[in-house]
Amino acid sequence: MPGANGPARRAVVDASVAVRWVVPEEGSELAAALLQQSFRWLAPRLMLTEVASALRRKVVEGELSTEVALEALDVLMTELGSVIELAADETVMPLALTLALSLEHKLPDCVYLALAERTGADLVTADRQLDRIARNRGIAATLVPTAEPG
């Protein structure tokens, strides 16, 4: 049972991992295994929009049917919704914009970084560049590999 072995560390999960929780793709098994670890999951509300956008892209590209995409979003919002605490984006937006400008990096990623910095949480992502930026800023990060190293 998650969190059964003492207090859970906080971890901000980004959309790249959340998508892997609800639809099978490279890295899904590793992402799913993280749900068994002692994390208290946090995410900005932006994560829902980014996951829905990724699901839409998968439908357009023929990887998923509309029905499967809608079911996946429902799982994220209902079943995983009880596991992930959503933070109001506006609470971190000024810091996110500051980070985006100073790091010369895209704002959506900086929303996740800002939430991790503001809460002292780890960051869990499948995005190598975001992982690297987080580590360079002293944020404990977990990278979910998307492909076998080769």
N, C-alpha and C. Protein backbone atom coordinates (compact mmCIF):
# COMPACT_ATOMS: atom_id res chain seq x y z
N MET A 1 0.84 -1.18 0.00
CA MET A 1 0.00 0.00 0.00
C MET A 1 0.88 1.24 0.00
N PRO A 2 0.66 2.19 -0.90
CA PRO A 2 1.49 3.37 -0.95
C PRO A 2 1.48 4.12 0.37
N GLY A 3 2.65 4.55 0.79
CA GLY A 3 2.77 5.35 1.99
C GLY A 3 2.73 4.54 3.28
N ALA A 4 2.71 3.22 3.20
CA ALA A 4 2.58 2.40 4.40
C ALA A 4 3.86 2.37 5.23
N ASN A 5 5.00 2.70 4.63
CA ASN A 5 6.27 2.60 5.33
C ASN A 5 6.79 3.96 5.78
N GLY A 6 5.99 4.71 6.49
CA GLY A 6 6.43 6.00 6.99
C GLY A 6 5.86 7.14 6.17
N PRO A 7 6.29 8.36 6.54
CA PRO A 7 5.75 9.53 5.87
C PRO A 7 6.16 9.57 4.40
N ALA A 8 5.23 9.99 3.58
CA ALA A 8 5.47 10.05 2.14
C ALA A 8 6.20 11.34 1.79
N ARG A 9 7.14 11.23 0.87
CA ARG A 9 7.77 12.42 0.30
C ARG A 9 6.80 13.02 -0.69
N ARG A 10 6.86 14.33 -0.84
CA ARG A 10 6.04 14.99 -1.84
C ARG A 10 6.76 14.92 -3.18
N ALA A 11 6.00 14.71 -4.24
CA ALA A 11 6.56 14.68 -5.59
C ALA A 11 5.57 15.32 -6.55
N VAL A 12 6.09 16.22 -7.36
CA VAL A 12 5.30 16.83 -8.42
C VAL A 12 5.42 15.93 -9.64
N VAL A 13 4.28 15.53 -10.17
CA VAL A 13 4.27 14.68 -11.36
C VAL A 13 3.88 15.56 -12.54
N ASP A 14 4.60 15.39 -13.65
CA ASP A 14 4.23 16.17 -14.83
C ASP A 14 3.40 15.32 -15.78
N ALA A 15 2.89 15.96 -16.81
CA ALA A 15 1.98 15.28 -17.75
C ALA A 15 2.64 14.13 -18.47
N SER A 16 3.95 14.21 -18.70
CA SER A 16 4.63 13.12 -19.42
C SER A 16 4.54 11.80 -18.66
N VAL A 17 4.49 11.86 -17.35
CA VAL A 17 4.34 10.65 -16.54
C VAL A 17 2.87 10.31 -16.35
N ALA A 18 2.04 11.32 -16.13
CA ALA A 18 0.61 11.07 -15.93
C ALA A 18 -0.01 10.38 -17.14
N VAL A 19 0.41 10.75 -18.34
CA VAL A 19 -0.10 10.08 -19.54
C VAL A 19 0.27 8.60 -19.50
N ARG A 20 1.48 8.31 -19.07
CA ARG A 20 1.94 6.92 -18.99
C ARG A 20 1.18 6.13 -17.93
N TRP A 21 0.56 6.80 -16.98
CA TRP A 21 -0.26 6.13 -15.99
C TRP A 21 -1.59 5.67 -16.57
N VAL A 22 -2.06 6.33 -17.62
CA VAL A 22 -3.41 6.03 -18.10
C VAL A 22 -3.47 5.42 -19.50
N VAL A 23 -2.39 5.45 -20.26
CA VAL A 23 -2.36 4.77 -21.56
C VAL A 23 -1.00 4.10 -21.71
N PRO A 24 -0.99 2.92 -22.32
CA PRO A 24 0.28 2.22 -22.49
C PRO A 24 1.17 2.88 -23.55
N GLU A 25 2.41 3.12 -23.16
CA GLU A 25 3.44 3.60 -24.08
C GLU A 25 4.77 3.30 -23.42
N GLU A 26 5.87 3.61 -24.11
CA GLU A 26 7.18 3.35 -23.54
C GLU A 26 7.29 4.03 -22.19
N GLY A 27 7.72 3.28 -21.19
CA GLY A 27 7.88 3.83 -19.86
C GLY A 27 6.66 3.68 -18.96
N SER A 28 5.56 3.15 -19.48
CA SER A 28 4.34 3.03 -18.68
C SER A 28 4.53 2.12 -17.46
N GLU A 29 5.23 1.01 -17.63
CA GLU A 29 5.42 0.10 -16.50
C GLU A 29 6.25 0.76 -15.40
N LEU A 30 7.29 1.48 -15.79
CA LEU A 30 8.11 2.18 -14.80
C LEU A 30 7.31 3.29 -14.13
N ALA A 31 6.50 3.99 -14.90
CA ALA A 31 5.67 5.05 -14.33
C ALA A 31 4.67 4.45 -13.34
N ALA A 32 4.05 3.34 -13.71
CA ALA A 32 3.07 2.69 -12.84
C ALA A 32 3.72 2.23 -11.53
N ALA A 33 4.95 1.76 -11.60
CA ALA A 33 5.65 1.31 -10.40
C ALA A 33 5.83 2.45 -9.40
N LEU A 34 5.94 3.68 -9.90
CA LEU A 34 6.09 4.82 -9.00
C LEU A 34 4.87 5.03 -8.12
N LEU A 35 3.70 4.61 -8.61
CA LEU A 35 2.48 4.75 -7.81
C LEU A 35 2.53 3.89 -6.55
N GLN A 36 3.39 2.89 -6.53
CA GLN A 36 3.52 2.02 -5.36
C GLN A 36 4.52 2.56 -4.34
N GLN A 37 5.23 3.61 -4.73
CA GLN A 37 6.21 4.20 -3.81
C GLN A 37 5.54 5.20 -2.88
N SER A 38 6.25 5.54 -1.83
CA SER A 38 5.71 6.44 -0.80
C SER A 38 5.85 7.90 -1.21
N PHE A 39 5.05 8.29 -2.18
CA PHE A 39 5.02 9.69 -2.59
C PHE A 39 3.65 10.27 -2.27
N ARG A 40 3.62 11.51 -1.92
CA ARG A 40 2.38 12.28 -1.86
C ARG A 40 2.40 13.11 -3.14
N TRP A 41 1.58 12.73 -4.11
CA TRP A 41 1.63 13.31 -5.45
C TRP A 41 0.97 14.68 -5.51
N LEU A 42 1.66 15.60 -6.16
CA LEU A 42 1.17 16.94 -6.41
C LEU A 42 1.29 17.22 -7.91
N ALA A 43 0.43 18.08 -8.40
CA ALA A 43 0.53 18.53 -9.80
C ALA A 43 -0.20 19.86 -9.92
N PRO A 44 0.27 20.70 -10.82
CA PRO A 44 -0.50 21.90 -11.11
C PRO A 44 -1.74 21.51 -11.92
N ARG A 45 -2.79 22.29 -11.85
CA ARG A 45 -3.99 22.00 -12.65
C ARG A 45 -3.66 21.93 -14.13
N LEU A 46 -2.62 22.62 -14.54
CA LEU A 46 -2.16 22.58 -15.93
C LEU A 46 -1.96 21.15 -16.41
N MET A 47 -1.60 20.25 -15.52
CA MET A 47 -1.34 18.86 -15.90
C MET A 47 -2.54 18.24 -16.60
N LEU A 48 -3.76 18.55 -16.14
CA LEU A 48 -4.96 17.99 -16.78
C LEU A 48 -5.06 18.44 -18.23
N THR A 49 -4.80 19.71 -18.48
CA THR A 49 -4.85 20.24 -19.84
C THR A 49 -3.78 19.59 -20.71
N GLU A 50 -2.59 19.44 -20.16
CA GLU A 50 -1.51 18.83 -20.94
C GLU A 50 -1.78 17.35 -21.23
N VAL A 51 -2.34 16.63 -20.27
CA VAL A 51 -2.68 15.22 -20.52
C VAL A 51 -3.77 15.13 -21.58
N ALA A 52 -4.81 15.96 -21.46
CA ALA A 52 -5.88 15.96 -22.46
C ALA A 52 -5.33 16.28 -23.85
N SER A 53 -4.39 17.20 -23.92
CA SER A 53 -3.77 17.56 -25.19
C SER A 53 -2.98 16.38 -25.77
N ALA A 54 -2.25 15.68 -24.92
CA ALA A 54 -1.50 14.51 -25.37
C ALA A 54 -2.44 13.40 -25.86
N LEU A 55 -3.54 13.22 -25.14
CA LEU A 55 -4.53 12.21 -25.56
C LEU A 55 -5.15 12.59 -26.90
N ARG A 56 -5.45 13.87 -27.09
CA ARG A 56 -5.99 14.34 -28.36
C ARG A 56 -5.01 14.05 -29.50
N ARG A 57 -3.73 14.34 -29.26
CA ARG A 57 -2.70 14.07 -30.27
C ARG A 57 -2.67 12.58 -30.62
N LYS A 58 -2.80 11.73 -29.63
CA LYS A 58 -2.79 10.29 -29.88
C LYS A 58 -4.00 9.86 -30.70
N VAL A 59 -5.15 10.49 -30.48
CA VAL A 59 -6.34 10.19 -31.29
C VAL A 59 -6.11 10.65 -32.72
N VAL A 60 -5.64 11.87 -32.90
CA VAL A 60 -5.40 12.41 -34.24
C VAL A 60 -4.39 11.57 -35.01
N GLU A 61 -3.37 11.06 -34.31
CA GLU A 61 -2.34 10.25 -34.95
C GLU A 61 -2.73 8.79 -35.10
N GLY A 62 -3.94 8.44 -34.67
CA GLY A 62 -4.44 7.08 -34.84
C GLY A 62 -3.93 6.08 -33.82
N GLU A 63 -3.32 6.55 -32.74
CA GLU A 63 -2.80 5.65 -31.71
C GLU A 63 -3.89 5.20 -30.74
N LEU A 64 -4.91 6.04 -30.57
CA LEU A 64 -6.01 5.75 -29.65
C LEU A 64 -7.33 6.10 -30.31
N SER A 65 -8.38 5.42 -29.88
CA SER A 65 -9.72 5.83 -30.30
C SER A 65 -10.18 6.96 -29.38
N THR A 66 -11.17 7.69 -29.80
CA THR A 66 -11.74 8.75 -28.97
C THR A 66 -12.23 8.17 -27.65
N GLU A 67 -12.87 7.00 -27.72
CA GLU A 67 -13.42 6.38 -26.51
C GLU A 67 -12.31 6.05 -25.50
N VAL A 68 -11.20 5.50 -25.99
CA VAL A 68 -10.09 5.15 -25.10
C VAL A 68 -9.49 6.41 -24.49
N ALA A 69 -9.36 7.45 -25.30
CA ALA A 69 -8.81 8.72 -24.79
C ALA A 69 -9.70 9.28 -23.68
N LEU A 70 -11.01 9.26 -23.90
CA LEU A 70 -11.94 9.76 -22.89
C LEU A 70 -11.90 8.92 -21.63
N GLU A 71 -11.79 7.60 -21.78
CA GLU A 71 -11.68 6.72 -20.62
C GLU A 71 -10.40 6.99 -19.85
N ALA A 72 -9.30 7.20 -20.58
CA ALA A 72 -8.02 7.48 -19.93
C ALA A 72 -8.09 8.77 -19.12
N LEU A 73 -8.70 9.80 -19.70
CA LEU A 73 -8.84 11.07 -18.99
C LEU A 73 -9.73 10.89 -17.76
N ASP A 74 -10.78 10.09 -17.90
CA ASP A 74 -11.66 9.83 -16.77
C ASP A 74 -10.91 9.13 -15.64
N VAL A 75 -10.07 8.16 -15.99
CA VAL A 75 -9.28 7.46 -14.97
C VAL A 75 -8.38 8.45 -14.24
N LEU A 76 -7.74 9.32 -15.00
CA LEU A 76 -6.85 10.31 -14.38
C LEU A 76 -7.63 11.22 -13.43
N MET A 77 -8.79 11.65 -13.87
CA MET A 77 -9.56 12.62 -13.08
C MET A 77 -10.30 11.99 -11.91
N THR A 78 -10.65 10.72 -12.00
CA THR A 78 -11.41 10.10 -10.91
C THR A 78 -10.52 9.22 -10.04
N GLU A 79 -10.04 8.13 -10.60
CA GLU A 79 -9.25 7.19 -9.80
C GLU A 79 -7.94 7.80 -9.32
N LEU A 80 -7.18 8.38 -10.24
CA LEU A 80 -5.91 8.98 -9.83
C LEU A 80 -6.13 10.34 -9.19
N GLY A 81 -7.28 10.93 -9.44
CA GLY A 81 -7.60 12.21 -8.82
C GLY A 81 -7.60 12.15 -7.32
N SER A 82 -7.88 10.99 -6.77
CA SER A 82 -7.85 10.85 -5.32
C SER A 82 -6.42 10.68 -4.80
N VAL A 83 -5.48 10.45 -5.71
CA VAL A 83 -4.09 10.23 -5.35
C VAL A 83 -3.26 11.49 -5.60
N ILE A 84 -3.66 12.30 -6.56
CA ILE A 84 -2.91 13.50 -6.95
C ILE A 84 -3.60 14.75 -6.41
N GLU A 85 -2.88 15.51 -5.63
CA GLU A 85 -3.40 16.79 -5.15
C GLU A 85 -3.10 17.85 -6.21
N LEU A 86 -4.14 18.46 -6.73
CA LEU A 86 -3.95 19.50 -7.75
C LEU A 86 -3.80 20.86 -7.09
N ALA A 87 -2.75 21.56 -7.48
CA ALA A 87 -2.49 22.90 -6.96
C ALA A 87 -2.99 23.94 -7.96
N ALA A 88 -3.48 25.03 -7.45
CA ALA A 88 -3.94 26.12 -8.31
C ALA A 88 -2.73 26.73 -9.01
N ASP A 89 -2.79 26.78 -10.32
CA ASP A 89 -1.67 27.31 -11.10
C ASP A 89 -1.29 28.72 -10.70
N GLU A 90 -2.29 29.53 -10.35
CA GLU A 90 -2.00 30.93 -10.05
C GLU A 90 -1.10 31.10 -8.83
N THR A 91 -1.01 30.08 -7.98
CA THR A 91 -0.15 30.18 -6.80
C THR A 91 1.33 30.12 -7.17
N VAL A 92 1.64 29.57 -8.33
CA VAL A 92 3.05 29.46 -8.73
C VAL A 92 3.37 30.20 -10.03
N MET A 93 2.36 30.83 -10.64
CA MET A 93 2.58 31.45 -11.95
C MET A 93 3.64 32.55 -11.95
N PRO A 94 3.67 33.45 -10.96
CA PRO A 94 4.75 34.45 -10.98
C PRO A 94 6.14 33.81 -10.95
N LEU A 95 6.33 32.80 -10.10
CA LEU A 95 7.61 32.11 -10.05
C LEU A 95 7.86 31.36 -11.36
N ALA A 96 6.83 30.74 -11.92
CA ALA A 96 6.98 30.01 -13.19
C ALA A 96 7.43 30.96 -14.30
N LEU A 97 6.84 32.13 -14.37
CA LEU A 97 7.24 33.10 -15.40
C LEU A 97 8.67 33.55 -15.17
N THR A 98 9.02 33.81 -13.93
CA THR A 98 10.40 34.20 -13.62
C THR A 98 11.38 33.11 -14.06
N LEU A 99 11.05 31.86 -13.76
CA LEU A 99 11.91 30.74 -14.17
C LEU A 99 11.98 30.63 -15.69
N ALA A 100 10.85 30.74 -16.36
CA ALA A 100 10.82 30.62 -17.81
C ALA A 100 11.71 31.68 -18.46
N LEU A 101 11.65 32.88 -17.92
CA LEU A 101 12.46 33.97 -18.47
C LEU A 101 13.95 33.78 -18.15
N SER A 102 14.26 33.44 -16.91
CA SER A 102 15.66 33.31 -16.53
C SER A 102 16.32 32.07 -17.12
N LEU A 103 15.55 31.01 -17.27
CA LEU A 103 16.10 29.75 -17.82
C LEU A 103 15.97 29.67 -19.34
N GLU A 104 15.22 30.62 -19.90
CA GLU A 104 14.91 30.59 -21.34
C GLU A 104 14.32 29.24 -21.71
N HIS A 105 13.30 28.86 -20.94
CA HIS A 105 12.65 27.55 -21.11
C HIS A 105 11.14 27.78 -21.19
N LYS A 106 10.44 26.80 -21.74
CA LYS A 106 8.99 26.96 -21.94
C LYS A 106 8.24 27.03 -20.61
N LEU A 107 7.24 27.90 -20.61
CA LEU A 107 6.48 28.18 -19.40
C LEU A 107 5.79 26.96 -18.80
N PRO A 108 5.11 26.10 -19.59
CA PRO A 108 4.44 24.96 -18.93
C PRO A 108 5.39 24.11 -18.08
N ASP A 109 6.59 23.82 -18.57
CA ASP A 109 7.55 23.07 -17.76
C ASP A 109 7.90 23.82 -16.49
N CYS A 110 8.02 25.13 -16.61
CA CYS A 110 8.39 25.94 -15.45
C CYS A 110 7.29 26.00 -14.40
N VAL A 111 6.05 25.73 -14.79
CA VAL A 111 4.97 25.64 -13.80
C VAL A 111 5.23 24.44 -12.88
N TYR A 112 5.65 23.32 -13.46
CA TYR A 112 5.99 22.14 -12.64
C TYR A 112 7.20 22.43 -11.77
N LEU A 113 8.23 23.05 -12.34
CA LEU A 113 9.43 23.41 -11.57
C LEU A 113 9.07 24.34 -10.41
N ALA A 114 8.26 25.34 -10.71
CA ALA A 114 7.88 26.29 -9.66
C ALA A 114 7.13 25.61 -8.53
N LEU A 115 6.24 24.69 -8.88
CA LEU A 115 5.50 23.97 -7.83
C LEU A 115 6.44 23.13 -6.99
N ALA A 116 7.40 22.46 -7.63
CA ALA A 116 8.38 21.66 -6.88
C ALA A 116 9.21 22.55 -5.98
N GLU A 117 9.67 23.68 -6.50
CA GLU A 117 10.47 24.60 -5.67
C GLU A 117 9.65 25.16 -4.52
N ARG A 118 8.44 25.59 -4.81
CA ARG A 118 7.60 26.23 -3.79
C ARG A 118 7.26 25.26 -2.67
N THR A 119 7.06 23.99 -2.99
CA THR A 119 6.63 23.01 -1.97
C THR A 119 7.78 22.17 -1.42
N GLY A 120 8.96 22.31 -2.00
CA GLY A 120 10.08 21.47 -1.57
C GLY A 120 9.93 20.03 -2.00
N ALA A 121 9.14 19.81 -3.05
CA ALA A 121 8.86 18.44 -3.53
C ALA A 121 9.89 18.00 -4.56
N ASP A 122 9.96 16.69 -4.74
CA ASP A 122 10.71 16.11 -5.85
C ASP A 122 9.95 16.40 -7.14
N LEU A 123 10.58 16.14 -8.27
CA LEU A 123 9.91 16.25 -9.56
C LEU A 123 10.04 14.91 -10.26
N VAL A 124 8.94 14.41 -10.81
CA VAL A 124 8.94 13.15 -11.55
C VAL A 124 8.49 13.47 -12.97
N THR A 125 9.35 13.13 -13.94
CA THR A 125 9.10 13.47 -15.33
C THR A 125 9.69 12.42 -16.26
N ALA A 126 9.21 12.40 -17.49
CA ALA A 126 9.80 11.58 -18.54
C ALA A 126 10.54 12.48 -19.54
N ASP A 127 10.63 13.75 -19.22
CA ASP A 127 11.26 14.75 -20.08
C ASP A 127 12.70 14.95 -19.62
N ARG A 128 13.64 14.50 -20.45
CA ARG A 128 15.06 14.57 -20.07
C ARG A 128 15.53 16.01 -19.80
N GLN A 129 15.09 16.93 -20.63
CA GLN A 129 15.51 18.32 -20.45
C GLN A 129 14.97 18.90 -19.15
N LEU A 130 13.71 18.63 -18.85
CA LEU A 130 13.13 19.10 -17.60
C LEU A 130 13.82 18.46 -16.41
N ASP A 131 14.13 17.19 -16.49
CA ASP A 131 14.85 16.49 -15.44
C ASP A 131 16.20 17.17 -15.19
N ARG A 132 16.91 17.47 -16.26
CA ARG A 132 18.23 18.09 -16.15
C ARG A 132 18.12 19.49 -15.52
N ILE A 133 17.14 20.27 -15.95
CA ILE A 133 16.95 21.61 -15.39
C ILE A 133 16.63 21.52 -13.89
N ALA A 134 15.75 20.60 -13.53
CA ALA A 134 15.39 20.44 -12.12
C ALA A 134 16.62 20.10 -11.29
N ARG A 135 17.40 19.14 -11.75
CA ARG A 135 18.60 18.73 -11.00
C ARG A 135 19.58 19.89 -10.88
N ASN A 136 19.73 20.66 -11.95
CA ASN A 136 20.63 21.82 -11.91
C ASN A 136 20.16 22.87 -10.91
N ARG A 137 18.88 22.88 -10.60
CA ARG A 137 18.32 23.82 -9.63
C ARG A 137 18.27 23.22 -8.23
N GLY A 138 18.78 22.01 -8.06
CA GLY A 138 18.81 21.38 -6.74
C GLY A 138 17.53 20.68 -6.36
N ILE A 139 16.66 20.44 -7.34
CA ILE A 139 15.42 19.71 -7.08
C ILE A 139 15.69 18.23 -7.28
N ALA A 140 15.34 17.42 -6.30
CA ALA A 140 15.47 15.97 -6.46
C ALA A 140 14.51 15.55 -7.57
N ALA A 141 15.02 14.85 -8.56
CA ALA A 141 14.19 14.50 -9.71
C ALA A 141 14.32 13.01 -10.02
N THR A 142 13.23 12.46 -10.54
CA THR A 142 13.20 11.09 -11.00
C THR A 142 12.83 11.13 -12.48
N LEU A 143 13.67 10.56 -13.31
CA LEU A 143 13.41 10.50 -14.74
C LEU A 143 12.85 9.13 -15.07
N VAL A 144 11.68 9.11 -15.67
CA VAL A 144 11.06 7.87 -16.14
C VAL A 144 11.54 7.67 -17.56
N PRO A 145 12.39 6.68 -17.79
CA PRO A 145 12.92 6.46 -19.14
C PRO A 145 11.80 6.15 -20.13
N THR A 146 11.93 6.66 -21.34
CA THR A 146 10.93 6.41 -22.37
C THR A 146 11.37 5.33 -23.33
N ALA A 147 12.63 4.97 -23.29
CA ALA A 147 13.13 3.92 -24.18
C ALA A 147 14.32 3.26 -23.51
N GLU A 148 14.57 2.03 -23.89
CA GLU A 148 15.73 1.33 -23.37
C GLU A 148 17.00 2.03 -23.86
N PRO A 149 17.98 2.24 -22.95
CA PRO A 149 19.22 2.85 -23.41
C PRO A 149 19.87 1.97 -24.46
N GLY A 150 20.47 2.58 -25.44
CA GLY A 150 21.04 1.77 -26.49
C GLY A 150 22.30 2.26 -27.05
